Structures are given as structure tokens and as C-alpha cells.
C-alpha atoms as a PDB file:
ATOM      1  CA  UNK A   1       0.052   0.015   0.014  1.00  0.00           C
ATOM      2  CA  UNK A   2       1.186   3.518  -0.731  1.00  0.00           C
ATOM      3  CA  UNK A   3       0.475   4.624   2.905  1.00  0.00           C
ATOM      4  CA  UNK A   4       2.893   2.026   4.294  1.00  0.00           C
ATOM      5  CA  UNK A   5       5.766   2.781   1.883  1.00  0.00           C
ATOM      6  CA  UNK A   6       8.880   4.574   3.199  1.00  0.00           C
ATOM      7  CA  UNK A   7       9.710   8.060   1.893  1.00  0.00           C
ATOM      8  CA  UNK A   8      12.806  10.133   2.746  1.00  0.00           C
ATOM      9  CA  UNK A   9      12.624  13.923   3.276  1.00  0.00           C
ATOM     10  CA  UNK A  10      15.946  15.616   2.579  1.00  0.00           C
ATOM     11  CA  UNK A  11      16.746  19.253   3.331  1.00  0.00           C
ATOM     12  CA  UNK A  12      19.533  20.672   1.125  1.00  0.00           C
ATOM     13  CA  UNK A  13      21.531  23.799   0.929  1.00  0.00           C
ATOM     14  CA  UNK A  14      20.336  25.542  -2.265  1.00  0.00           C
ATOM     15  CA  UNK A  15      23.786  26.877  -3.152  1.00  0.00           C
ATOM     16  CA  UNK A  16      26.159  24.038  -2.230  1.00  0.00           C
ATOM     17  CA  UNK A  17      23.581  21.210  -2.381  1.00  0.00           C
ATOM     18  CA  UNK A  18      24.940  20.142   0.989  1.00  0.00           C
ATOM     19  CA  UNK A  19      22.525  17.819   2.905  1.00  0.00           C
ATOM     20  CA  UNK A  20      21.399  19.483   6.119  1.00  0.00           C
ATOM     21  CA  UNK A  21      18.859  17.028   7.491  1.00  0.00           C
ATOM     22  CA  UNK A  22      17.082  13.908   6.349  1.00  0.00           C
ATOM     23  CA  UNK A  23      13.847  12.332   7.668  1.00  0.00           C
ATOM     24  CA  UNK A  24      12.388   8.903   7.102  1.00  0.00           C
ATOM     25  CA  UNK A  25       8.631   9.219   6.656  1.00  0.00           C
ATOM     26  CA  UNK A  26       5.648   7.009   6.043  1.00  0.00           C
ATOM     27  CA  UNK A  27       2.407   8.604   4.740  1.00  0.00           C
ATOM     28  CA  UNK A  28       0.409   6.636   7.394  1.00  0.00           C
ATOM     29  CA  UNK A  29       2.415   8.028  10.317  1.00  0.00           C
ATOM     30  CA  UNK A  30       2.253  11.535   9.001  1.00  0.00           C
ATOM     31  CA  UNK A  31      -1.560  11.292   8.548  1.00  0.00           C
ATOM     32  CA  UNK A  32      -2.022  10.008  12.054  1.00  0.00           C
ATOM     33  CA  UNK A  33       0.302  12.529  13.592  1.00  0.00           C
ATOM     34  CA  UNK A  34      -1.362  15.509  11.830  1.00  0.00           C
ATOM     35  CA  UNK A  35      -4.841  14.129  12.652  1.00  0.00           C
ATOM     36  CA  UNK A  36      -4.064  13.746  16.405  1.00  0.00           C
ATOM     37  CA  UNK A  37      -2.538  17.158  16.460  1.00  0.00           C
ATOM     38  CA  UNK A  38      -5.612  18.722  14.904  1.00  0.00           C
ATOM     39  CA  UNK A  39      -7.905  16.779  17.332  1.00  0.00           C
ATOM     40  CA  UNK A  40      -5.814  17.951  20.258  1.00  0.00           C
ATOM     41  CA  UNK A  41      -5.876  21.553  19.116  1.00  0.00           C
ATOM     42  CA  UNK A  42      -9.756  21.484  18.708  1.00  0.00           C
ATOM     43  CA  UNK A  43     -10.103  20.011  22.251  1.00  0.00           C
ATOM     44  CA  UNK A  44      -7.793  22.543  23.823  1.00  0.00           C
ATOM     45  CA  UNK A  45      -9.592  25.425  22.047  1.00  0.00           C
ATOM     46  CA  UNK A  46     -12.943  24.157  23.167  1.00  0.00           C
ATOM     47  CA  UNK A  47     -11.863  23.868  26.808  1.00  0.00           C
ATOM     48  CA  UNK A  48     -10.300  27.333  26.626  1.00  0.00           C
ATOM     49  CA  UNK A  49     -13.432  28.843  25.333  1.00  0.00           C
ATOM     50  CA  UNK A  50     -15.786  26.970  27.595  1.00  0.00           C
ATOM     51  CA  UNK A  51     -14.119  27.503  30.933  1.00  0.00           C
ATOM     52  CA  UNK A  52     -12.409  30.869  30.571  1.00  0.00           C
ATOM     53  CA  UNK A  53     -13.757  34.406  30.142  1.00  0.00           C
ATOM     54  CA  UNK A  54     -12.758  34.237  26.437  1.00  0.00           C
ATOM     55  CA  UNK A  55     -16.264  32.879  25.666  1.00  0.00           C
ATOM     56  CA  UNK A  56     -17.714  36.364  26.299  1.00  0.00           C
ATOM     57  CA  UNK A  57     -16.067  37.561  23.118  1.00  0.00           C
ATOM     58  CA  UNK A  58     -17.855  34.940  21.053  1.00  0.00           C
ATOM     59  CA  UNK A  59     -21.272  36.190  19.631  1.00  0.00           C
ATOM     60  CA  UNK A  60     -24.139  34.513  21.489  1.00  0.00           C
ATOM     61  CA  UNK A  61     -22.518  34.314  24.933  1.00  0.00           C
ATOM     62  CA  UNK A  62     -23.234  36.814  27.641  1.00  0.00           C
ATOM     63  CA  UNK A  63     -21.550  37.314  31.069  1.00  0.00           C
ATOM     64  CA  UNK A  64     -23.283  37.297  34.395  1.00  0.00           C
ATOM     65  CA  UNK A  65     -23.122  41.001  34.743  1.00  0.00           C
ATOM     66  CA  UNK A  66     -24.948  41.577  31.443  1.00  0.00           C
ATOM     67  CA  UNK A  67     -27.662  39.043  32.500  1.00  0.00           C
ATOM     68  CA  UNK A  68     -28.165  40.761  35.849  1.00  0.00           C
ATOM     69  CA  UNK A  69     -28.265  44.254  34.256  1.00  0.00           C
ATOM     70  CA  UNK A  70     -30.816  42.914  31.778  1.00  0.00           C
ATOM     71  CA  UNK A  71     -32.988  41.517  34.577  1.00  0.00           C
ATOM     72  CA  UNK A  72     -32.906  44.762  36.516  1.00  0.00           C
ATOM     73  CA  UNK A  73     -33.769  46.729  33.439  1.00  0.00           C
ATOM     74  CA  UNK A  74     -36.727  44.493  32.751  1.00  0.00           C
ATOM     75  CA  UNK A  75     -37.895  45.135  36.391  1.00  0.00           C
ATOM     76  CA  UNK A  76     -37.517  48.889  36.020  1.00  0.00           C
ATOM     77  CA  UNK A  77     -39.235  49.040  32.767  1.00  0.00           C
ATOM     78  CA  UNK A  78     -42.215  47.014  34.175  1.00  0.00           C
ATOM     79  CA  UNK A  79     -42.332  49.434  37.248  1.00  0.00           C
ATOM     80  CA  UNK A  80     -42.219  52.403  34.997  1.00  0.00           C
ATOM     81  CA  UNK A  81     -45.015  50.980  32.734  1.00  0.00           C
ATOM     82  CA  UNK A  82     -47.252  50.468  35.886  1.00  0.00           C
ATOM     83  CA  UNK A  83     -46.427  54.056  36.940  1.00  0.00           C
ATOM     84  CA  UNK A  84     -47.328  55.388  33.584  1.00  0.00           C
ATOM     85  CA  UNK A  85     -50.590  53.504  33.548  1.00  0.00           C
ATOM     86  CA  UNK A  86     -51.544  54.811  36.893  1.00  0.00           C
ATOM     87  CA  UNK A  87     -50.609  58.378  35.863  1.00  0.00           C
ATOM     88  CA  UNK A  88     -52.691  58.054  32.647  1.00  0.00           C
ATOM     89  CA  UNK A  89     -55.677  56.955  34.658  1.00  0.00           C
ATOM     90  CA  UNK A  90     -55.322  59.687  37.071  1.00  0.00           C
ATOM     91  CA  UNK A  91     -55.062  62.305  34.240  1.00  0.00           C
ATOM     92  CA  UNK A  92     -58.059  60.778  32.582  1.00  0.00           C
ATOM     93  CA  UNK A  93     -60.111  61.092  35.753  1.00  0.00           C
ATOM     94  CA  UNK A  94     -59.072  64.785  36.173  1.00  0.00           C
ATOM     95  CA  UNK A  95     -59.972  65.478  32.603  1.00  0.00           C
ATOM     96  CA  UNK A  96     -63.411  63.881  33.022  1.00  0.00           C
ATOM     97  CA  UNK A  97     -64.005  65.925  36.251  1.00  0.00           C
ATOM     98  CA  UNK A  98     -62.863  69.239  34.442  1.00  0.00           C
ATOM     99  CA  UNK A  99     -65.030  68.465  31.461  1.00  0.00           C
ATOM    100  CA  UNK A 100     -68.027  67.571  33.583  1.00  0.00           C
ATOM    101  CA  UNK A 101     -68.142  63.933  32.359  1.00  0.00           C
ATOM    102  CA  UNK A 102     -68.912  62.659  35.825  1.00  0.00           C
ATOM    103  CA  UNK A 103     -71.535  59.888  35.809  1.00  0.00           C
ATOM    104  CA  UNK A 104     -74.611  60.954  37.705  1.00  0.00           C
ATOM    105  CA  UNK A 105     -76.442  57.585  37.862  1.00  0.00           C
ATOM    106  CA  UNK A 106     -75.513  55.250  40.579  1.00  0.00           C
ATOM    107  CA  UNK A 107     -75.051  51.764  39.553  1.00  0.00           C
ATOM    108  CA  UNK A 108     -77.611  49.433  40.876  1.00  0.00           C
ATOM    109  CA  UNK A 109     -76.118  47.148  43.366  1.00  0.00           C
ATOM    110  CA  UNK A 110     -76.883  43.414  43.219  1.00  0.00           C
ATOM    111  CA  UNK A 111     -79.366  42.296  45.766  1.00  0.00           C
ATOM    112  CA  UNK A 112     -77.606  40.288  48.388  1.00  0.00           C
ATOM    113  CA  UNK A 113     -79.546  37.157  49.245  1.00  0.00           C
ATOM    114  CA  UNK A 114     -79.678  36.493  52.954  1.00  0.00           C
ATOM    115  CA  UNK A 115     -77.856  33.492  54.145  1.00  0.00           C
ATOM    116  CA  UNK A 116     -79.910  30.500  55.046  1.00  0.00           C
ATOM    117  CA  UNK A 117     -78.939  28.589  58.092  1.00  0.00           C
ATOM    118  CA  UNK A 118     -81.880  26.171  58.145  1.00  0.00           C
ATOM    119  CA  UNK A 119     -79.631  23.286  57.018  1.00  0.00           C
ATOM    120  CA  UNK A 120     -77.001  23.631  59.771  1.00  0.00           C
ATOM    121  CA  UNK A 121     -79.091  21.382  62.123  1.00  0.00           C
ATOM    122  CA  UNK A 122     -79.058  18.557  59.563  1.00  0.00           C
ATOM    123  CA  UNK A 123     -75.273  18.584  59.136  1.00  0.00           C
ATOM    124  CA  UNK A 124     -73.415  15.527  60.644  1.00  0.00           C
ATOM    125  CA  UNK A 125     -69.828  15.316  61.736  1.00  0.00           C
ATOM    126  CA  UNK A 126     -67.858  13.068  59.452  1.00  0.00           C
ATOM    127  CA  UNK A 127     -65.059  10.685  60.485  1.00  0.00           C
ATOM    128  CA  UNK A 128     -62.367  12.885  58.861  1.00  0.00           C
ATOM    129  CA  UNK A 129     -63.657  15.958  60.712  1.00  0.00           C
ATOM    130  CA  UNK A 130     -63.587  14.117  64.069  1.00  0.00           C
ATOM    131  CA  UNK A 131     -59.992  13.011  63.444  1.00  0.00           C
ATOM    132  CA  UNK A 132     -59.003  16.495  62.543  1.00  0.00           C
ATOM    133  CA  UNK A 133     -60.619  18.014  65.641  1.00  0.00           C
ATOM    134  CA  UNK A 134     -58.916  15.418  67.831  1.00  0.00           C
ATOM    135  CA  UNK A 135     -55.523  16.106  66.251  1.00  0.00           C
ATOM    136  CA  UNK A 136     -55.885  19.922  66.800  1.00  0.00           C
ATOM    137  CA  UNK A 137     -57.003  19.510  70.388  1.00  0.00           C
ATOM    138  CA  UNK A 138     -54.160  17.173  71.275  1.00  0.00           C
ATOM    139  CA  UNK A 139     -51.384  19.094  69.355  1.00  0.00           C
ATOM    140  CA  UNK A 140     -50.310  21.264  72.474  1.00  0.00           C
ATOM    141  CA  UNK A 141     -50.620  18.589  75.169  1.00  0.00           C
ATOM    142  CA  UNK A 142     -46.820  18.228  75.536  1.00  0.00           C
ATOM    143  CA  UNK A 143     -45.819  21.781  74.828  1.00  0.00           C
ATOM    144  CA  UNK A 144     -43.478  23.768  77.134  1.00  0.00           C
ATOM    145  CA  UNK A 145     -45.615  26.903  76.820  1.00  0.00           C
ATOM    146  CA  UNK A 146     -48.249  28.119  79.271  1.00  0.00           C
ATOM    147  CA  UNK A 147     -51.819  27.031  78.816  1.00  0.00           C
ATOM    148  CA  UNK A 148     -53.864  30.131  78.914  1.00  0.00           C
ATOM    149  CA  UNK A 149     -56.935  28.200  80.092  1.00  0.00           C
ATOM    150  CA  UNK A 150     -55.421  27.150  83.374  1.00  0.00           C
ATOM    151  CA  UNK A 151     -56.769  28.515  86.635  1.00  0.00           C
ATOM    152  CA  UNK A 152     -55.087  31.838  87.583  1.00  0.00           C
ATOM    153  CA  UNK A 153     -54.991  30.706  91.253  1.00  0.00           C
ATOM    154  CA  UNK A 154     -51.936  28.518  90.719  1.00  0.00           C
ATOM    155  CA  UNK A 155     -49.211  27.541  88.232  1.00  0.00           C
ATOM    156  CA  UNK A 156     -48.740  23.913  89.258  1.00  0.00           C
ATOM    157  CA  UNK A 157     -49.677  22.865  85.744  1.00  0.00           C
ATOM    158  CA  UNK A 158     -46.920  24.912  84.003  1.00  0.00           C
ATOM    159  CA  UNK A 159     -43.984  23.096  82.541  1.00  0.00           C
ATOM    160  CA  UNK A 160     -40.852  25.045  83.056  1.00  0.00           C
ATOM    161  CA  UNK A 161     -37.585  24.615  81.209  1.00  0.00           C
ATOM    162  CA  UNK A 162     -34.493  24.972  83.503  1.00  0.00           C
ATOM    163  CA  UNK A 163     -32.623  28.143  82.522  1.00  0.00           C
ATOM    164  CA  UNK A 164     -29.394  26.226  83.297  1.00  0.00           C
ATOM    165  CA  UNK A 165     -28.070  23.150  85.159  1.00  0.00           C
ATOM    166  CA  UNK A 166     -25.927  23.874  88.245  1.00  0.00           C
ATOM    167  CA  UNK A 167     -25.679  24.074  92.007  1.00  0.00           C
ATOM    168  CA  UNK A 168     -28.047  26.266  93.980  1.00  0.00           C
ATOM    169  CA  UNK A 169     -25.695  28.385  96.268  1.00  0.00           C
ATOM    170  CA  UNK A 170     -28.327  30.771  97.627  1.00  0.00           C
ATOM    171  CA  UNK A 171     -32.087  29.839  98.075  1.00  0.00           C
ATOM    172  CA  UNK A 172     -35.112  31.923  97.936  1.00  0.00           C
ATOM    173  CA  UNK A 173     -35.703  34.095 101.072  1.00  0.00           C
ATOM    174  CA  UNK A 174     -38.523  36.602 100.779  1.00  0.00           C
ATOM    175  CA  UNK A 175     -37.982  37.802 104.366  1.00  0.00           C
ATOM    176  CA  UNK A 176     -34.341  38.603 103.468  1.00  0.00           C
ATOM    177  CA  UNK A 177     -35.452  40.293 100.262  1.00  0.00           C
ATOM    178  CA  UNK A 178     -33.661  37.646  98.215  1.00  0.00           C
ATOM    179  CA  UNK A 179     -36.560  37.124  95.787  1.00  0.00           C
ATOM    180  CA  UNK A 180     -34.881  34.351  93.626  1.00  0.00           C
ATOM    181  CA  UNK A 181     -32.184  31.786  93.742  1.00  0.00           C
ATOM    182  CA  UNK A 182     -28.552  31.842  92.769  1.00  0.00           C
ATOM    183  CA  UNK A 183     -27.179  29.050  90.521  1.00  0.00           C
ATOM    184  CA  UNK A 184     -23.461  28.507  90.078  1.00  0.00           C
ATOM    185  CA  UNK A 185     -22.227  27.150  86.735  1.00  0.00           C
ATOM    186  CA  UNK A 186     -19.345  27.011  84.379  1.00  0.00           C
ATOM    187  CA  UNK A 187     -17.863  30.010  82.640  1.00  0.00           C
ATOM    188  CA  UNK A 188     -19.551  31.038  79.334  1.00  0.00           C
ATOM    189  CA  UNK A 189     -22.568  28.679  79.969  1.00  0.00           C
ATOM    190  CA  UNK A 190     -25.741  29.466  78.049  1.00  0.00           C
ATOM    191  CA  UNK A 191     -28.779  30.815  79.806  1.00  0.00           C
ATOM    192  CA  UNK A 192     -32.169  29.640  78.401  1.00  0.00           C
ATOM    193  CA  UNK A 193     -35.671  30.949  78.500  1.00  0.00           C
ATOM    194  CA  UNK A 194     -37.824  28.971  81.004  1.00  0.00           C
ATOM    195  CA  UNK A 195     -41.086  29.501  79.031  1.00  0.00           C
ATOM    196  CA  UNK A 196     -42.406  30.981  75.781  1.00  0.00           C
ATOM    197  CA  UNK A 197     -42.613  34.769  76.063  1.00  0.00           C
ATOM    198  CA  UNK A 198     -41.606  38.271  75.014  1.00  0.00           C
ATOM    199  CA  UNK A 199     -38.506  40.042  76.210  1.00  0.00           C
ATOM    200  CA  UNK A 200     -39.588  43.149  77.970  1.00  0.00           C
ATOM    201  CA  UNK A 201     -36.217  44.228  79.550  1.00  0.00           C
ATOM    202  CA  UNK A 202     -32.628  43.778  78.275  1.00  0.00           C
ATOM    203  CA  UNK A 203     -30.396  46.224  80.041  1.00  0.00           C
ATOM    204  CA  UNK A 204     -27.534  46.879  82.392  1.00  0.00           C
ATOM    205  CA  UNK A 205     -27.908  48.038  86.109  1.00  0.00           C
ATOM    206  CA  UNK A 206     -25.253  48.866  88.620  1.00  0.00           C
ATOM    207  CA  UNK A 207     -26.490  46.350  91.193  1.00  0.00           C
ATOM    208  CA  UNK A 208     -27.460  43.318  89.055  1.00  0.00           C
ATOM    209  CA  UNK A 209     -25.391  43.865  85.923  1.00  0.00           C
ATOM    210  CA  UNK A 210     -26.797  42.632  82.639  1.00  0.00           C
ATOM    211  CA  UNK A 211     -30.392  41.815  83.284  1.00  0.00           C
ATOM    212  CA  UNK A 212     -33.020  40.270  80.920  1.00  0.00           C
ATOM    213  CA  UNK A 213     -36.744  39.846  81.771  1.00  0.00           C
ATOM    214  CA  UNK A 214     -39.382  37.870  79.871  1.00  0.00           C
ATOM    215  CA  UNK A 215     -43.121  38.319  80.048  1.00  0.00           C
ATOM    216  CA  UNK A 216     -45.030  35.106  79.738  1.00  0.00           C
ATOM    217  CA  UNK A 217     -48.638  34.325  79.492  1.00  0.00           C
ATOM    218  CA  UNK A 218     -50.948  34.374  82.575  1.00  0.00           C
ATOM    219  CA  UNK A 219     -49.211  37.328  84.047  1.00  0.00           C
ATOM    220  CA  UNK A 220     -45.986  35.461  84.800  1.00  0.00           C
ATOM    221  CA  UNK A 221     -42.581  37.105  84.687  1.00  0.00           C
ATOM    222  CA  UNK A 222     -39.074  35.638  84.751  1.00  0.00           C
ATOM    223  CA  UNK A 223     -35.758  37.545  85.523  1.00  0.00           C
ATOM    224  CA  UNK A 224     -32.153  36.559  84.648  1.00  0.00           C
ATOM    225  CA  UNK A 225     -29.566  38.579  86.369  1.00  0.00           C
ATOM    226  CA  UNK A 226     -25.762  39.043  86.541  1.00  0.00           C
ATOM    227  CA  UNK A 227     -25.119  37.914  82.919  1.00  0.00           C
ATOM    228  CA  UNK A 228     -21.966  38.656  81.144  1.00  0.00           C
ATOM    229  CA  UNK A 229     -23.770  39.197  77.772  1.00  0.00           C
ATOM    230  CA  UNK A 230     -27.329  39.462  76.583  1.00  0.00           C
ATOM    231  CA  UNK A 231     -28.386  37.735  73.233  1.00  0.00           C
ATOM    232  CA  UNK A 232     -31.868  39.078  72.944  1.00  0.00           C
ATOM    233  CA  UNK A 233     -33.308  42.544  72.970  1.00  0.00           C
ATOM    234  CA  UNK A 234     -36.595  44.065  74.233  1.00  0.00           C
ATOM    235  CA  UNK A 235     -39.440  43.011  71.932  1.00  0.00           C
ATOM    236  CA  UNK A 236     -37.976  39.707  70.828  1.00  0.00           C
ATOM    237  CA  UNK A 237     -40.249  36.678  71.132  1.00  0.00           C
ATOM    238  CA  UNK A 238     -38.495  33.598  72.551  1.00  0.00           C
ATOM    239  CA  UNK A 239     -39.439  30.019  72.922  1.00  0.00           C
ATOM    240  CA  UNK A 240     -38.849  27.779  75.913  1.00  0.00           C
ATOM    241  CA  UNK A 241     -35.265  26.611  75.785  1.00  0.00           C
ATOM    242  CA  UNK A 242     -33.930  29.392  73.494  1.00  0.00           C
ATOM    243  CA  UNK A 243     -30.567  30.820  74.541  1.00  0.00           C
ATOM    244  CA  UNK A 244     -31.046  34.421  75.697  1.00  0.00           C
ATOM    245  CA  UNK A 245     -27.809  35.271  77.643  1.00  0.00           C
ATOM    246  CA  UNK A 246     -24.424  34.052  78.947  1.00  0.00           C
ATOM    247  CA  UNK A 247     -23.674  33.388  82.635  1.00  0.00           C
ATOM    248  CA  UNK A 248     -21.468  36.080  84.142  1.00  0.00           C
ATOM    249  CA  UNK A 249     -20.426  38.045  87.183  1.00  0.00           C
ATOM    250  CA  UNK A 250     -21.662  41.550  86.331  1.00  0.00           C
ATOM    251  CA  UNK A 251     -23.000  44.023  88.859  1.00  0.00           C
ATOM    252  CA  UNK A 252     -22.204  45.006  92.362  1.00  0.00           C
ATOM    253  CA  UNK A 253     -24.257  42.378  94.174  1.00  0.00           C
ATOM    254  CA  UNK A 254     -22.274  39.374  93.044  1.00  0.00           C
ATOM    255  CA  UNK A 255     -19.218  37.431  94.214  1.00  0.00           C
ATOM    256  CA  UNK A 256     -18.605  34.947  91.418  1.00  0.00           C
ATOM    257  CA  UNK A 257     -20.118  33.690  88.070  1.00  0.00           C
ATOM    258  CA  UNK A 258     -23.708  32.634  88.679  1.00  0.00           C
ATOM    259  CA  UNK A 259     -27.234  33.257  87.547  1.00  0.00           C
ATOM    260  CA  UNK A 260     -29.802  34.940  89.739  1.00  0.00           C
ATOM    261  CA  UNK A 261     -33.126  33.688  88.587  1.00  0.00           C
ATOM    262  CA  UNK A 262     -36.534  35.036  89.687  1.00  0.00           C
ATOM    263  CA  UNK A 263     -40.176  34.114  89.055  1.00  0.00           C
ATOM    264  CA  UNK A 264     -43.028  36.642  89.642  1.00  0.00           C
ATOM    265  CA  UNK A 265     -46.676  35.548  89.373  1.00  0.00           C
ATOM    266  CA  UNK A 266     -49.481  38.153  89.727  1.00  0.00           C
ATOM    267  CA  UNK A 267     -47.115  40.607  91.374  1.00  0.00           C
ATOM    268  CA  UNK A 268     -45.706  38.094  93.946  1.00  0.00           C
ATOM    269  CA  UNK A 269     -42.304  36.490  94.031  1.00  0.00           C
ATOM    270  CA  UNK A 270     -42.217  32.703  93.868  1.00  0.00           C
ATOM    271  CA  UNK A 271     -39.611  30.162  94.965  1.00  0.00           C
ATOM    272  CA  UNK A 272     -38.295  28.862  91.636  1.00  0.00           C
ATOM    273  CA  UNK A 273     -37.078  25.549  93.192  1.00  0.00           C
ATOM    274  CA  UNK A 274     -40.829  24.546  93.670  1.00  0.00           C
ATOM    275  CA  UNK A 275     -41.547  24.767  90.024  1.00  0.00           C
ATOM    276  CA  UNK A 276     -38.155  24.162  88.126  1.00  0.00           C
ATOM    277  CA  UNK A 277     -35.728  21.215  88.410  1.00  0.00           C
ATOM    278  CA  UNK A 278     -32.283  22.546  88.479  1.00  0.00           C
END
């Protein structure tokens, strides 16, 4: 075959006819080498265009900035069109008023048929409706929040979340005007909300340092004092167990890192240890 025959490529000096170089070639090898080189160049060019910013110079491709700019222009044009339509309607109304083209006849309103409730007595509760009612009624059985239907004379039915786990170093003593308990804990330990509620106080005082207070349902208040940092601000709604502060040693009335925790119900201070397991 001609493709497998050997050929010799000789490079000569034109003036002296001196042989400078000689190459043994076969048409088949030359064809394969040239073909592979062309394929490699095509692949490299494709990769270079597809994965580099060079593709932006090819007609039909657009960069991210151009697409974002086009999207913003479409939004602006749509807003301008709506504004123009509103302005045209306003001008048309003014023109009608000036020209006296105000309609004098009041459109007749459709007669509203009174609702009929005679069939309510004949309605029967379906099995699906009974199942849905049962699911809704039992959905809050195990919640940590306060049940607003409880008797206001006591809070024995409330389920409190412990603000932190630790050792009680100073107990409740109303006679000594210690209206809460002191709990010692580790440094940088998180303080958690004992019940669902809204933060009504998040401030710093000279005596008790960083203080946060939460208003719960049923006229119940909880106070967390001597914190090193507050993580909520007044007006924030918190769930039971949400982190609200960090234990600290701020304020004058403290001798070490601890949490001073108070519970107030209907204006009276309560002993937290009777309701919360620390």
C-alpha cells in the first residue's frame, strides 16, 4: 500500500547542495500525527473557550453582569409601565371631572340574598372531621408553653424549662429580700428561657449587671440577672429553651459567676425551686 511505503525527506543547501537534514517518513504516520494534532488543538480550544472568560467575546454568549443588568432593566421597565398606567388613569379622571363627564347615575347594586342557616341542624360530623378535631385539640398537650386556660390561682400545671443546670448556692428568702435563687455554673454557659414569652427588659444596672426579663402568659414574669452578655433585645419573642444570655459576674451584688433567677406571678415572688428542676 502507498500509505505504508517509506519516503525520505531531505533538506539541502540551495547553493552548495549540501545535505542538512534527512527524515524517514511514512504517509500513514504523517496522517495519524497530523490528525491527532488537529484533534488535540480542537479539544484545547474548546476547553479554553468553555471554561475561561474568552467565551464572552464569542457572539451568542453573555456574562453574568450583563444578564443581571438585563434583569434589573426589565424590572425597572415594568415598574415604569405600571407608573405610567396609573398616571394616565389619574389624568383621565381629572380630565373627566374638568369637562363635567362625571356619571350621575349610581349603578344598581346586586341584591344580596340573605344566608340560609336552616340546613345547619341537619349537618353531621364526618369521621375525617372528628379526626382533625382530635388532632388539633391534642397538638399542644406536651408543649412547654403556658396554657392560657389554666386556673389563675396557681401555676402547678406549668412545665418550666430549666434556665441552666448547676448548683443552687443561695435559696429563695422573701424575708431577707432575696426574691430568687442563685445558681453557680461553668464560665460562658448559656442561659435559656424557661417558658415562651416576649422580652420586656434587656439592660444593664449597677447592682445586678446585665439583666433580661421575659413576660410570659398568665401574668408570669421571669428575670435572669448578673449575665456577662445578653443575646436578645426588648421586643424579641423567645421559645422555651432558647438561649437568651451568657452566665457572668456583672453588677455589684455578686461574688462570682452565677445566675440569679426570679419568678413573679401576679405581682408576687415565687420560689423557683418549687417549679423548676435545676
